[in-house]
Amino acid sequence: MSSYRAKKRAFIARLILIDVCVVLTIVLMIEQTRPVC
């Protein structure tokens, strides 16, 4: 059970990291398209 829990933990951590990367890329794209004053 402990190994299953560890795998689930790593999977969730990976999902959070991917979400953060996606949000960062989207924000960067929006910042680039927006005219910088």
C-alpha atoms as a PDB file:
ATOM      1  CA  MET A   1       0.000   0.000   0.000  1.00  0.00           C
ATOM      2  CA  SER A   2       2.827   2.394   0.807  1.00  0.00           C
ATOM      3  CA  SER A   3       4.356   2.051  -2.658  1.00  0.00           C
ATOM      4  CA  TYR A   4       0.936   2.682  -4.241  1.00  0.00           C
ATOM      5  CA  ARG A   5       0.540   5.789  -2.103  1.00  0.00           C
ATOM      6  CA  ALA A   6       4.015   6.998  -3.105  1.00  0.00           C
ATOM      7  CA  LYS A   7       3.213   6.451  -6.786  1.00  0.00           C
ATOM      8  CA  LYS A   8      -0.046   8.371  -6.415  1.00  0.00           C
ATOM      9  CA  ARG A   9       1.840  11.179  -4.667  1.00  0.00           C
ATOM     10  CA  ALA A  10       4.454  11.397  -7.433  1.00  0.00           C
ATOM     11  CA  PHE A  11       1.683  11.350 -10.059  1.00  0.00           C
ATOM     12  CA  ILE A  12      -0.155  14.239  -8.384  1.00  0.00           C
ATOM     13  CA  ALA A  13       3.081  16.204  -7.972  1.00  0.00           C
ATOM     14  CA  ARG A  14       3.838  15.688 -11.684  1.00  0.00           C
ATOM     15  CA  LEU A  15       0.328  16.883 -12.611  1.00  0.00           C
ATOM     16  CA  ILE A  16       0.780  20.030 -10.503  1.00  0.00           C
ATOM     17  CA  LEU A  17       4.161  20.713 -12.142  1.00  0.00           C
ATOM     18  CA  ILE A  18       2.646  20.292 -15.623  1.00  0.00           C
ATOM     19  CA  ASP A  19      -0.231  22.632 -14.690  1.00  0.00           C
ATOM     20  CA  VAL A  20       2.239  25.267 -13.486  1.00  0.00           C
ATOM     21  CA  CYS A  21       4.263  24.965 -16.706  1.00  0.00           C
ATOM     22  CA  VAL A  22       1.123  25.293 -18.860  1.00  0.00           C
ATOM     23  CA  VAL A  23      -0.078  28.353 -16.934  1.00  0.00           C
ATOM     24  CA  LEU A  24       3.364  29.962 -17.196  1.00  0.00           C
ATOM     25  CA  THR A  25       3.537  29.410 -20.950  1.00  0.00           C
ATOM     26  CA  ILE A  26       0.018  30.827 -21.417  1.00  0.00           C
ATOM     27  CA  VAL A  27       0.857  33.899 -19.318  1.00  0.00           C
ATOM     28  CA  LEU A  28       4.084  34.426 -21.257  1.00  0.00           C
ATOM     29  CA  MET A  29       2.221  34.198 -24.573  1.00  0.00           C
ATOM     30  CA  ILE A  30      -0.367  36.728 -23.376  1.00  0.00           C
ATOM     31  CA  GLU A  31       2.368  39.048 -22.131  1.00  0.00           C
ATOM     32  CA  GLN A  32       4.136  38.836 -25.503  1.00  0.00           C
ATOM     33  CA  THR A  33       0.987  39.593 -27.515  1.00  0.00           C
ATOM     34  CA  ARG A  34       0.051  42.481 -25.246  1.00  0.00           C
ATOM     35  CA  PRO A  35       1.717  45.773 -26.269  1.00  0.00           C
ATOM     36  CA  VAL A  36       4.318  46.783 -23.714  1.00  0.00           C
ATOM     37  CA  CYS A  37       3.959  50.410 -22.655  1.00  0.00           C
END
